[in-house]
Amino acid sequence: MAMIIRSVNLETVVGVTTKELPRHTLPEFAFAGKSNVGKSTLINLIMQRKSYARVSEKPGKTATINYYNINDAFYLVDLPGYGYASATRRDIKDQWGDMIERYLHTSPTLKAVFLLVDIRHDPSDNDVLMFDWILHNGFVPIIVATKVDKLKRSQVAGAVKNIRDVLHEKSQLGKDVSLTIIPTSSQTKAGRDEIEEVIASFL
């Protein structure tokens, strides 16, 4: 059963030059993933809004942390996309990384981190690095395997197993971590209920 979304408000946008991150009392749920993996699209799906979170046509465009207040009950936090080689200058990309790490390390109300990977491909080196980064900061990421509608139904179980195997094999910190992997599709709404159940379990 879908969560009832009464209100959505893009409350705060934090850029790389911002010194202080917001200190909220409401629970936060963060979404990380490489550029163009479908992060904004997934957040729109959870918020039940078609285009509230802006979907960039150019990978690497989102260079801010966006805080969406949902029902005055919790926040969905959209972290900057990573891993797009031509996104911008190296020093700016380093600042993005610093900003993401600062958020993961200092948010007082962060409850869970969703890490998005494209179900059609092996997790990239940057995906594995982010996986370890999240673990290092005390969270076991919930893996969201996006774009499941691009596969045949018979291919899904094998693709999920492949993501699990690659993360366990390449990770420095998560070789024995039990993983939750949720296949999702913005087209069919697959996985939305499962993500909402995870959020609800913390509320």
N, C-alpha and C. Protein backbone atom coordinates (compact mmCIF):
# COMPACT_ATOMS: atom_id res chain seq x y z
N MET A 1 0.85 -1.20 0.00
CA MET A 1 0.00 0.00 0.00
C MET A 1 0.88 1.24 0.00
N ALA A 2 0.63 2.15 -0.94
CA ALA A 2 1.49 3.33 -1.09
C ALA A 2 1.32 4.27 0.11
N MET A 3 2.43 4.88 0.49
CA MET A 3 2.41 5.88 1.54
C MET A 3 1.57 7.08 1.09
N ILE A 4 0.82 7.65 2.01
CA ILE A 4 0.02 8.83 1.68
C ILE A 4 0.90 10.08 1.79
N ILE A 5 1.14 10.75 0.68
CA ILE A 5 1.97 11.94 0.64
C ILE A 5 1.06 13.16 0.60
N ARG A 6 1.01 13.88 1.70
CA ARG A 6 0.13 15.05 1.79
C ARG A 6 0.85 16.33 1.36
N SER A 7 2.14 16.42 1.68
CA SER A 7 2.87 17.65 1.34
C SER A 7 4.32 17.33 1.03
N VAL A 8 4.86 18.06 0.06
CA VAL A 8 6.25 17.94 -0.37
C VAL A 8 6.83 19.34 -0.48
N ASN A 9 7.99 19.55 0.11
CA ASN A 9 8.58 20.89 0.06
C ASN A 9 10.10 20.77 -0.05
N LEU A 10 10.66 21.29 -1.15
CA LEU A 10 12.11 21.38 -1.27
C LEU A 10 12.56 22.49 -0.33
N GLU A 11 12.95 22.09 0.86
CA GLU A 11 13.13 23.05 1.96
C GLU A 11 14.51 23.70 1.95
N THR A 12 15.54 22.90 1.63
CA THR A 12 16.90 23.42 1.70
C THR A 12 17.73 22.85 0.57
N VAL A 13 18.55 23.72 -0.05
CA VAL A 13 19.51 23.29 -1.07
C VAL A 13 20.89 23.74 -0.60
N VAL A 14 21.80 22.79 -0.46
CA VAL A 14 23.12 23.08 0.08
C VAL A 14 24.16 22.88 -1.01
N GLY A 15 24.99 23.89 -1.28
CA GLY A 15 26.05 23.80 -2.27
C GLY A 15 27.39 23.50 -1.65
N VAL A 16 28.40 23.31 -2.51
CA VAL A 16 29.72 22.90 -2.02
C VAL A 16 30.38 23.96 -1.14
N THR A 17 29.99 25.21 -1.29
CA THR A 17 30.63 26.26 -0.50
C THR A 17 29.95 26.49 0.85
N THR A 18 28.84 25.81 1.09
CA THR A 18 28.12 25.97 2.36
C THR A 18 28.90 25.32 3.49
N LYS A 19 29.15 26.09 4.53
CA LYS A 19 29.96 25.59 5.64
C LYS A 19 29.16 24.68 6.57
N GLU A 20 27.93 25.06 6.87
CA GLU A 20 27.13 24.33 7.84
C GLU A 20 25.98 23.62 7.17
N LEU A 21 25.82 22.34 7.45
CA LEU A 21 24.67 21.59 6.96
C LEU A 21 23.50 21.78 7.93
N PRO A 22 22.27 21.67 7.43
CA PRO A 22 21.11 21.81 8.32
C PRO A 22 21.14 20.77 9.44
N ARG A 23 20.67 21.16 10.61
CA ARG A 23 20.57 20.24 11.75
C ARG A 23 19.09 20.02 12.03
N HIS A 24 18.56 18.93 11.51
CA HIS A 24 17.13 18.67 11.62
C HIS A 24 16.82 17.79 12.83
N THR A 25 15.58 17.85 13.27
CA THR A 25 15.10 16.94 14.31
C THR A 25 14.28 15.81 13.70
N LEU A 26 13.79 16.01 12.46
CA LEU A 26 13.02 14.96 11.79
C LEU A 26 13.97 13.93 11.16
N PRO A 27 13.54 12.68 11.02
CA PRO A 27 14.37 11.65 10.40
C PRO A 27 14.72 12.00 8.95
N GLU A 28 15.94 11.61 8.55
CA GLU A 28 16.39 11.81 7.17
C GLU A 28 16.71 10.47 6.52
N PHE A 29 16.39 10.38 5.21
CA PHE A 29 16.69 9.20 4.41
C PHE A 29 17.41 9.67 3.16
N ALA A 30 18.67 9.25 3.01
CA ALA A 30 19.52 9.78 1.95
C ALA A 30 19.57 8.84 0.75
N PHE A 31 19.74 9.43 -0.43
CA PHE A 31 19.83 8.69 -1.69
C PHE A 31 21.14 9.06 -2.38
N ALA A 32 21.97 8.05 -2.61
CA ALA A 32 23.26 8.25 -3.27
C ALA A 32 23.30 7.40 -4.52
N GLY A 33 24.11 7.83 -5.48
CA GLY A 33 24.24 7.06 -6.71
C GLY A 33 25.00 7.85 -7.75
N LYS A 34 25.54 7.13 -8.73
CA LYS A 34 26.29 7.82 -9.77
C LYS A 34 25.36 8.67 -10.63
N SER A 35 25.94 9.59 -11.33
CA SER A 35 25.18 10.47 -12.21
C SER A 35 24.39 9.66 -13.22
N ASN A 36 23.15 10.05 -13.43
CA ASN A 36 22.30 9.45 -14.46
C ASN A 36 21.79 8.05 -14.12
N VAL A 37 21.85 7.66 -12.83
CA VAL A 37 21.36 6.34 -12.44
C VAL A 37 19.85 6.35 -12.17
N GLY A 38 19.27 7.57 -12.09
CA GLY A 38 17.83 7.68 -11.89
C GLY A 38 17.43 8.11 -10.50
N LYS A 39 18.32 8.84 -9.81
CA LYS A 39 18.06 9.23 -8.42
C LYS A 39 16.88 10.19 -8.29
N SER A 40 16.91 11.27 -9.07
CA SER A 40 15.81 12.25 -8.99
C SER A 40 14.48 11.62 -9.43
N THR A 41 14.55 10.74 -10.43
CA THR A 41 13.35 10.06 -10.91
C THR A 41 12.76 9.19 -9.81
N LEU A 42 13.63 8.47 -9.08
CA LEU A 42 13.17 7.62 -7.99
C LEU A 42 12.55 8.46 -6.87
N ILE A 43 13.19 9.57 -6.55
CA ILE A 43 12.66 10.43 -5.48
C ILE A 43 11.29 10.97 -5.88
N ASN A 44 11.14 11.35 -7.15
CA ASN A 44 9.81 11.77 -7.62
C ASN A 44 8.79 10.65 -7.45
N LEU A 45 9.19 9.41 -7.73
CA LEU A 45 8.29 8.27 -7.60
C LEU A 45 7.84 8.11 -6.15
N ILE A 46 8.78 8.22 -5.22
CA ILE A 46 8.44 8.07 -3.79
C ILE A 46 7.54 9.23 -3.34
N MET A 47 7.84 10.43 -3.85
CA MET A 47 7.03 11.61 -3.46
C MET A 47 5.70 11.66 -4.19
N GLN A 48 5.53 10.75 -5.18
CA GLN A 48 4.30 10.72 -5.98
C GLN A 48 4.08 12.05 -6.71
N ARG A 49 5.20 12.59 -7.20
CA ARG A 49 5.17 13.81 -8.00
C ARG A 49 5.90 13.51 -9.30
N LYS A 50 5.40 14.03 -10.41
CA LYS A 50 6.00 13.69 -11.70
C LYS A 50 7.36 14.34 -11.91
N SER A 51 7.50 15.57 -11.49
CA SER A 51 8.76 16.26 -11.81
C SER A 51 9.16 17.27 -10.75
N TYR A 52 8.86 16.97 -9.48
CA TYR A 52 9.22 17.92 -8.42
C TYR A 52 10.73 17.97 -8.25
N ALA A 53 11.34 16.77 -8.14
CA ALA A 53 12.80 16.73 -8.13
C ALA A 53 13.26 16.83 -9.58
N ARG A 54 14.06 17.84 -9.87
CA ARG A 54 14.44 18.09 -11.25
C ARG A 54 15.36 17.00 -11.78
N VAL A 55 15.00 16.42 -12.90
CA VAL A 55 15.80 15.39 -13.55
C VAL A 55 16.68 16.07 -14.59
N SER A 56 17.98 15.98 -14.37
CA SER A 56 18.91 16.66 -15.27
C SER A 56 19.14 15.85 -16.53
N GLU A 57 19.19 16.55 -17.66
CA GLU A 57 19.51 15.89 -18.92
C GLU A 57 21.02 15.67 -19.05
N LYS A 58 21.79 16.44 -18.31
CA LYS A 58 23.25 16.31 -18.38
C LYS A 58 23.75 15.61 -17.11
N PRO A 59 24.33 14.41 -17.26
CA PRO A 59 24.88 13.73 -16.08
C PRO A 59 25.90 14.60 -15.37
N GLY A 60 25.92 14.51 -14.03
CA GLY A 60 26.88 15.28 -13.25
C GLY A 60 26.43 16.69 -12.96
N LYS A 61 25.20 17.02 -13.31
CA LYS A 61 24.73 18.39 -13.17
C LYS A 61 24.37 18.72 -11.71
N THR A 62 23.83 17.74 -10.98
CA THR A 62 23.40 17.99 -9.61
C THR A 62 24.61 18.09 -8.70
N ALA A 63 24.92 19.30 -8.24
CA ALA A 63 26.09 19.51 -7.39
C ALA A 63 25.67 20.04 -6.02
N THR A 64 24.47 19.69 -5.60
CA THR A 64 23.95 20.17 -4.33
C THR A 64 23.35 19.01 -3.55
N ILE A 65 23.19 19.21 -2.24
CA ILE A 65 22.39 18.31 -1.43
C ILE A 65 21.01 18.95 -1.31
N ASN A 66 19.98 18.23 -1.73
CA ASN A 66 18.61 18.75 -1.72
C ASN A 66 17.80 18.03 -0.65
N TYR A 67 17.19 18.82 0.24
CA TYR A 67 16.40 18.28 1.35
C TYR A 67 14.91 18.47 1.05
N TYR A 68 14.19 17.36 0.87
CA TYR A 68 12.75 17.40 0.61
C TYR A 68 11.99 17.04 1.89
N ASN A 69 11.23 18.01 2.41
CA ASN A 69 10.40 17.77 3.58
C ASN A 69 9.11 17.08 3.15
N ILE A 70 8.86 15.89 3.69
CA ILE A 70 7.69 15.10 3.32
C ILE A 70 6.73 15.06 4.51
N ASN A 71 5.54 15.61 4.32
CA ASN A 71 4.46 15.56 5.31
C ASN A 71 4.84 16.18 6.66
N ASP A 72 5.90 17.03 6.67
CA ASP A 72 6.42 17.54 7.94
C ASP A 72 6.74 16.40 8.90
N ALA A 73 7.12 15.24 8.33
CA ALA A 73 7.38 14.05 9.14
C ALA A 73 8.79 13.52 8.96
N PHE A 74 9.37 13.70 7.76
CA PHE A 74 10.72 13.21 7.49
C PHE A 74 11.26 13.91 6.25
N TYR A 75 12.56 13.71 5.99
CA TYR A 75 13.21 14.28 4.82
C TYR A 75 13.73 13.19 3.90
N LEU A 76 13.55 13.40 2.59
CA LEU A 76 14.30 12.66 1.59
C LEU A 76 15.46 13.56 1.18
N VAL A 77 16.67 13.03 1.23
CA VAL A 77 17.87 13.84 0.98
C VAL A 77 18.56 13.32 -0.28
N ASP A 78 18.60 14.15 -1.30
CA ASP A 78 19.18 13.81 -2.60
C ASP A 78 20.63 14.28 -2.61
N LEU A 79 21.56 13.32 -2.57
CA LEU A 79 22.99 13.64 -2.56
C LEU A 79 23.51 13.83 -3.98
N PRO A 80 24.58 14.58 -4.17
CA PRO A 80 25.10 14.82 -5.52
C PRO A 80 25.50 13.52 -6.21
N GLY A 81 25.23 13.44 -7.51
CA GLY A 81 25.66 12.28 -8.29
C GLY A 81 27.18 12.27 -8.40
N TYR A 82 27.74 11.08 -8.53
CA TYR A 82 29.21 10.96 -8.60
C TYR A 82 29.61 10.16 -9.83
N GLY A 83 30.90 10.25 -10.17
CA GLY A 83 31.48 9.34 -11.14
C GLY A 83 31.32 9.72 -12.59
N TYR A 84 30.90 10.96 -12.87
CA TYR A 84 30.79 11.35 -14.28
C TYR A 84 32.05 12.11 -14.65
N ALA A 85 32.88 11.51 -15.50
CA ALA A 85 34.26 11.98 -15.73
C ALA A 85 34.33 13.43 -16.20
N SER A 86 33.38 13.83 -17.05
CA SER A 86 33.45 15.18 -17.63
C SER A 86 32.59 16.19 -16.89
N ALA A 87 32.12 15.81 -15.69
CA ALA A 87 31.15 16.67 -15.01
C ALA A 87 31.68 18.08 -14.79
N THR A 88 32.90 18.18 -14.29
CA THR A 88 33.43 19.49 -13.97
C THR A 88 34.90 19.33 -13.55
N ARG A 89 35.49 20.38 -13.05
CA ARG A 89 36.90 20.33 -12.67
C ARG A 89 37.12 19.39 -11.48
N ARG A 90 38.34 18.85 -11.39
CA ARG A 90 38.68 17.90 -10.34
C ARG A 90 38.50 18.50 -8.94
N ASP A 91 38.86 19.78 -8.76
CA ASP A 91 38.76 20.36 -7.42
C ASP A 91 37.29 20.45 -6.99
N ILE A 92 36.39 20.71 -7.95
CA ILE A 92 34.98 20.77 -7.62
C ILE A 92 34.47 19.37 -7.26
N LYS A 93 34.92 18.36 -8.03
CA LYS A 93 34.49 16.99 -7.72
C LYS A 93 34.97 16.56 -6.34
N ASP A 94 36.19 16.98 -5.97
CA ASP A 94 36.69 16.67 -4.63
C ASP A 94 35.81 17.33 -3.57
N GLN A 95 35.35 18.55 -3.85
CA GLN A 95 34.46 19.24 -2.91
C GLN A 95 33.14 18.49 -2.77
N TRP A 96 32.61 17.95 -3.89
CA TRP A 96 31.38 17.15 -3.81
C TRP A 96 31.59 15.99 -2.85
N GLY A 97 32.74 15.29 -3.03
CA GLY A 97 33.03 14.14 -2.17
C GLY A 97 33.11 14.54 -0.71
N ASP A 98 33.79 15.66 -0.45
CA ASP A 98 33.89 16.16 0.93
C ASP A 98 32.51 16.46 1.49
N MET A 99 31.64 17.04 0.65
CA MET A 99 30.30 17.41 1.10
C MET A 99 29.48 16.16 1.45
N ILE A 100 29.57 15.13 0.58
CA ILE A 100 28.83 13.89 0.84
C ILE A 100 29.34 13.24 2.13
N GLU A 101 30.66 13.18 2.28
CA GLU A 101 31.22 12.55 3.47
C GLU A 101 30.83 13.33 4.73
N ARG A 102 30.87 14.65 4.63
CA ARG A 102 30.49 15.48 5.79
C ARG A 102 29.03 15.22 6.17
N TYR A 103 28.18 15.09 5.15
CA TYR A 103 26.77 14.82 5.43
C TYR A 103 26.62 13.48 6.13
N LEU A 104 27.22 12.42 5.56
CA LEU A 104 27.08 11.08 6.14
C LEU A 104 27.62 11.03 7.56
N HIS A 105 28.68 11.80 7.82
CA HIS A 105 29.37 11.74 9.10
C HIS A 105 28.69 12.59 10.18
N THR A 106 27.98 13.64 9.76
CA THR A 106 27.51 14.61 10.77
C THR A 106 26.01 14.74 10.89
N SER A 107 25.22 14.20 9.97
CA SER A 107 23.77 14.35 10.10
C SER A 107 23.27 13.64 11.35
N PRO A 108 22.63 14.36 12.28
CA PRO A 108 22.23 13.74 13.54
C PRO A 108 21.00 12.86 13.43
N THR A 109 20.23 13.00 12.34
CA THR A 109 18.97 12.25 12.26
C THR A 109 18.91 11.33 11.04
N LEU A 110 20.06 11.08 10.40
CA LEU A 110 20.08 10.18 9.25
C LEU A 110 19.77 8.76 9.72
N LYS A 111 18.74 8.16 9.12
CA LYS A 111 18.29 6.83 9.52
C LYS A 111 18.74 5.73 8.56
N ALA A 112 18.77 6.03 7.27
CA ALA A 112 19.11 5.01 6.29
C ALA A 112 19.65 5.67 5.03
N VAL A 113 20.53 4.95 4.33
CA VAL A 113 21.09 5.43 3.06
C VAL A 113 20.75 4.42 1.98
N PHE A 114 20.12 4.90 0.92
CA PHE A 114 19.80 4.08 -0.24
C PHE A 114 20.88 4.34 -1.30
N LEU A 115 21.52 3.28 -1.77
CA LEU A 115 22.56 3.40 -2.79
C LEU A 115 22.01 2.84 -4.09
N LEU A 116 21.91 3.69 -5.11
CA LEU A 116 21.33 3.29 -6.39
C LEU A 116 22.40 2.78 -7.35
N VAL A 117 22.12 1.64 -7.97
CA VAL A 117 22.98 1.11 -9.02
C VAL A 117 22.08 0.68 -10.18
N ASP A 118 22.63 0.71 -11.37
CA ASP A 118 21.88 0.31 -12.56
C ASP A 118 21.88 -1.22 -12.64
N ILE A 119 20.70 -1.81 -12.63
CA ILE A 119 20.59 -3.27 -12.58
C ILE A 119 21.19 -3.94 -13.81
N ARG A 120 21.36 -3.21 -14.90
CA ARG A 120 21.84 -3.81 -16.15
C ARG A 120 23.35 -4.01 -16.18
N HIS A 121 24.06 -3.39 -15.22
CA HIS A 121 25.52 -3.40 -15.29
C HIS A 121 26.13 -3.81 -13.95
N ASP A 122 27.38 -4.26 -13.98
CA ASP A 122 28.12 -4.46 -12.74
C ASP A 122 28.22 -3.14 -11.99
N PRO A 123 28.16 -3.17 -10.66
CA PRO A 123 28.48 -1.95 -9.91
C PRO A 123 29.86 -1.43 -10.31
N SER A 124 29.97 -0.13 -10.54
CA SER A 124 31.24 0.46 -10.96
C SER A 124 32.19 0.58 -9.77
N ASP A 125 33.44 0.91 -10.06
CA ASP A 125 34.41 1.13 -8.97
C ASP A 125 33.92 2.25 -8.05
N ASN A 126 33.31 3.28 -8.63
CA ASN A 126 32.78 4.37 -7.81
C ASN A 126 31.61 3.91 -6.95
N ASP A 127 30.78 3.00 -7.48
CA ASP A 127 29.69 2.44 -6.68
C ASP A 127 30.25 1.68 -5.47
N VAL A 128 31.30 0.90 -5.71
CA VAL A 128 31.91 0.12 -4.62
C VAL A 128 32.54 1.07 -3.60
N LEU A 129 33.19 2.12 -4.09
CA LEU A 129 33.79 3.11 -3.20
C LEU A 129 32.74 3.78 -2.33
N MET A 130 31.60 4.15 -2.93
CA MET A 130 30.52 4.76 -2.17
C MET A 130 29.94 3.76 -1.17
N PHE A 131 29.79 2.51 -1.59
CA PHE A 131 29.32 1.44 -0.71
C PHE A 131 30.19 1.37 0.55
N ASP A 132 31.52 1.37 0.35
CA ASP A 132 32.43 1.31 1.49
C ASP A 132 32.40 2.58 2.33
N TRP A 133 32.25 3.71 1.66
CA TRP A 133 32.16 5.00 2.34
C TRP A 133 30.98 5.02 3.29
N ILE A 134 29.83 4.53 2.81
CA ILE A 134 28.62 4.50 3.63
C ILE A 134 28.81 3.56 4.82
N LEU A 135 29.40 2.39 4.56
CA LEU A 135 29.68 1.45 5.65
C LEU A 135 30.63 2.07 6.67
N HIS A 136 31.64 2.78 6.19
CA HIS A 136 32.63 3.42 7.07
C HIS A 136 31.96 4.42 8.01
N ASN A 137 30.86 5.02 7.54
CA ASN A 137 30.17 6.02 8.36
C ASN A 137 29.04 5.41 9.20
N GLY A 138 29.01 4.08 9.28
CA GLY A 138 28.13 3.44 10.23
C GLY A 138 26.78 2.99 9.72
N PHE A 139 26.59 3.00 8.40
CA PHE A 139 25.31 2.60 7.82
C PHE A 139 25.52 1.43 6.85
N VAL A 140 24.58 0.49 6.86
CA VAL A 140 24.57 -0.53 5.82
C VAL A 140 23.62 -0.05 4.73
N PRO A 141 24.13 0.29 3.55
CA PRO A 141 23.24 0.87 2.53
C PRO A 141 22.21 -0.14 2.03
N ILE A 142 21.01 0.36 1.78
CA ILE A 142 19.99 -0.44 1.10
C ILE A 142 20.23 -0.24 -0.39
N ILE A 143 20.49 -1.31 -1.12
CA ILE A 143 20.83 -1.21 -2.54
C ILE A 143 19.54 -1.13 -3.35
N VAL A 144 19.43 -0.09 -4.17
CA VAL A 144 18.29 0.09 -5.06
C VAL A 144 18.78 -0.17 -6.49
N ALA A 145 18.29 -1.25 -7.08
CA ALA A 145 18.70 -1.61 -8.44
C ALA A 145 17.70 -1.00 -9.42
N THR A 146 18.11 0.08 -10.08
CA THR A 146 17.18 0.85 -10.92
C THR A 146 17.04 0.25 -12.32
N LYS A 147 15.99 0.70 -13.00
CA LYS A 147 15.74 0.40 -14.42
C LYS A 147 15.47 -1.09 -14.67
N VAL A 148 14.76 -1.72 -13.72
CA VAL A 148 14.47 -3.15 -13.87
C VAL A 148 13.56 -3.42 -15.06
N ASP A 149 12.81 -2.40 -15.50
CA ASP A 149 11.93 -2.57 -16.66
C ASP A 149 12.72 -2.80 -17.95
N LYS A 150 14.03 -2.52 -17.92
CA LYS A 150 14.86 -2.73 -19.11
C LYS A 150 15.27 -4.20 -19.28
N LEU A 151 14.98 -5.03 -18.26
CA LEU A 151 15.33 -6.44 -18.32
C LEU A 151 14.08 -7.29 -18.52
N LYS A 152 14.29 -8.49 -19.03
CA LYS A 152 13.22 -9.48 -19.03
C LYS A 152 13.04 -9.98 -17.60
N ARG A 153 11.82 -10.39 -17.28
CA ARG A 153 11.55 -10.85 -15.92
C ARG A 153 12.49 -12.00 -15.53
N SER A 154 12.80 -12.86 -16.48
CA SER A 154 13.66 -14.01 -16.19
C SER A 154 15.11 -13.62 -15.88
N GLN A 155 15.48 -12.38 -16.21
CA GLN A 155 16.86 -11.93 -16.01
C GLN A 155 17.07 -11.25 -14.65
N VAL A 156 15.98 -10.91 -13.96
CA VAL A 156 16.08 -10.04 -12.78
C VAL A 156 16.84 -10.73 -11.65
N ALA A 157 16.49 -11.97 -11.32
CA ALA A 157 17.14 -12.65 -10.19
C ALA A 157 18.64 -12.76 -10.41
N GLY A 158 19.07 -13.08 -11.63
CA GLY A 158 20.49 -13.19 -11.93
C GLY A 158 21.20 -11.85 -11.82
N ALA A 159 20.52 -10.78 -12.25
CA ALA A 159 21.12 -9.44 -12.17
C ALA A 159 21.27 -8.99 -10.72
N VAL A 160 20.28 -9.31 -9.89
CA VAL A 160 20.37 -8.97 -8.46
C VAL A 160 21.51 -9.74 -7.81
N LYS A 161 21.64 -11.03 -8.13
CA LYS A 161 22.73 -11.84 -7.58
C LYS A 161 24.08 -11.28 -8.02
N ASN A 162 24.16 -10.81 -9.26
CA ASN A 162 25.41 -10.26 -9.77
C ASN A 162 25.82 -9.00 -9.00
N ILE A 163 24.85 -8.12 -8.72
CA ILE A 163 25.14 -6.91 -7.93
C ILE A 163 25.67 -7.30 -6.55
N ARG A 164 25.00 -8.27 -5.92
CA ARG A 164 25.42 -8.72 -4.59
C ARG A 164 26.84 -9.28 -4.63
N ASP A 165 27.10 -10.13 -5.64
CA ASP A 165 28.41 -10.77 -5.75
C ASP A 165 29.53 -9.76 -5.98
N VAL A 166 29.29 -8.78 -6.87
CA VAL A 166 30.32 -7.78 -7.18
C VAL A 166 30.62 -6.92 -5.96
N LEU A 167 29.59 -6.48 -5.24
CA LEU A 167 29.81 -5.65 -4.05
C LEU A 167 30.58 -6.44 -2.99
N HIS A 168 30.20 -7.69 -2.78
CA HIS A 168 30.90 -8.49 -1.78
C HIS A 168 32.35 -8.76 -2.20
N GLU A 169 32.57 -8.97 -3.48
CA GLU A 169 33.91 -9.31 -3.97
C GLU A 169 34.86 -8.12 -3.93
N LYS A 170 34.36 -6.94 -4.33
CA LYS A 170 35.24 -5.78 -4.49
C LYS A 170 35.31 -4.89 -3.25
N SER A 171 34.34 -5.00 -2.36
CA SER A 171 34.29 -4.13 -1.19
C SER A 171 35.44 -4.42 -0.23
N GLN A 172 35.96 -3.39 0.40
CA GLN A 172 36.97 -3.54 1.44
C GLN A 172 36.33 -3.82 2.80
N LEU A 173 35.13 -3.28 3.01
CA LEU A 173 34.50 -3.33 4.33
C LEU A 173 33.27 -4.23 4.39
N GLY A 174 32.69 -4.55 3.23
CA GLY A 174 31.38 -5.20 3.23
C GLY A 174 31.36 -6.60 2.65
N LYS A 175 32.46 -7.32 2.78
CA LYS A 175 32.53 -8.65 2.15
C LYS A 175 31.53 -9.63 2.74
N ASP A 176 31.18 -9.45 4.02
CA ASP A 176 30.26 -10.38 4.69
C ASP A 176 28.96 -9.70 5.13
N VAL A 177 28.73 -8.48 4.63
CA VAL A 177 27.54 -7.73 5.05
C VAL A 177 26.31 -8.30 4.35
N SER A 178 25.24 -8.50 5.11
CA SER A 178 23.97 -8.94 4.53
C SER A 178 23.31 -7.77 3.82
N LEU A 179 22.98 -7.94 2.55
CA LEU A 179 22.49 -6.83 1.74
C LEU A 179 21.01 -6.97 1.41
N THR A 180 20.30 -5.87 1.51
CA THR A 180 18.95 -5.76 0.97
C THR A 180 19.06 -5.10 -0.39
N ILE A 181 18.55 -5.76 -1.44
CA ILE A 181 18.58 -5.21 -2.79
C ILE A 181 17.15 -5.13 -3.31
N ILE A 182 16.72 -3.93 -3.69
CA ILE A 182 15.35 -3.70 -4.14
C ILE A 182 15.37 -3.31 -5.61
N PRO A 183 14.90 -4.19 -6.52
CA PRO A 183 14.78 -3.80 -7.94
C PRO A 183 13.66 -2.77 -8.10
N THR A 184 13.92 -1.70 -8.86
CA THR A 184 12.94 -0.63 -9.01
C THR A 184 12.80 -0.22 -10.48
N SER A 185 11.66 0.40 -10.75
CA SER A 185 11.41 0.98 -12.07
C SER A 185 10.49 2.18 -11.93
N SER A 186 10.92 3.30 -12.47
CA SER A 186 10.05 4.49 -12.46
C SER A 186 8.89 4.31 -13.44
N GLN A 187 9.07 3.42 -14.41
CA GLN A 187 8.03 3.19 -15.41
C GLN A 187 6.88 2.36 -14.84
N THR A 188 7.22 1.29 -14.13
CA THR A 188 6.19 0.37 -13.63
C THR A 188 5.88 0.57 -12.14
N LYS A 189 6.66 1.46 -11.50
CA LYS A 189 6.55 1.71 -10.05
C LYS A 189 7.01 0.51 -9.22
N ALA A 190 7.66 -0.44 -9.83
CA ALA A 190 8.21 -1.58 -9.09
C ALA A 190 9.19 -1.09 -8.04
N GLY A 191 9.10 -1.65 -6.83
CA GLY A 191 10.03 -1.33 -5.76
C GLY A 191 9.62 -0.17 -4.88
N ARG A 192 8.65 0.65 -5.34
CA ARG A 192 8.29 1.82 -4.52
C ARG A 192 7.75 1.39 -3.16
N ASP A 193 6.86 0.41 -3.15
CA ASP A 193 6.27 -0.02 -1.88
C ASP A 193 7.34 -0.54 -0.93
N GLU A 194 8.32 -1.29 -1.46
CA GLU A 194 9.37 -1.84 -0.61
C GLU A 194 10.22 -0.72 0.00
N ILE A 195 10.53 0.31 -0.78
CA ILE A 195 11.31 1.44 -0.25
C ILE A 195 10.50 2.17 0.82
N GLU A 196 9.21 2.37 0.56
CA GLU A 196 8.36 3.04 1.54
C GLU A 196 8.24 2.22 2.82
N GLU A 197 8.25 0.90 2.70
CA GLU A 197 8.21 0.05 3.90
C GLU A 197 9.47 0.22 4.74
N VAL A 198 10.62 0.35 4.07
CA VAL A 198 11.88 0.59 4.79
C VAL A 198 11.79 1.92 5.54
N ILE A 199 11.33 2.96 4.84
CA ILE A 199 11.20 4.27 5.48
C ILE A 199 10.24 4.19 6.67
N ALA A 200 9.08 3.56 6.46
CA ALA A 200 8.06 3.46 7.50
C ALA A 200 8.60 2.71 8.73
N SER A 201 9.49 1.75 8.51
CA SER A 201 10.01 0.96 9.63
C SER A 201 10.83 1.82 10.58
N PHE A 202 11.40 2.92 10.07
CA PHE A 202 12.18 3.83 10.92
C PHE A 202 11.31 4.91 11.55
N LEU A 203 10.11 5.10 11.00
CA LEU A 203 9.22 6.15 11.51
C LEU A 203 8.31 5.62 12.62
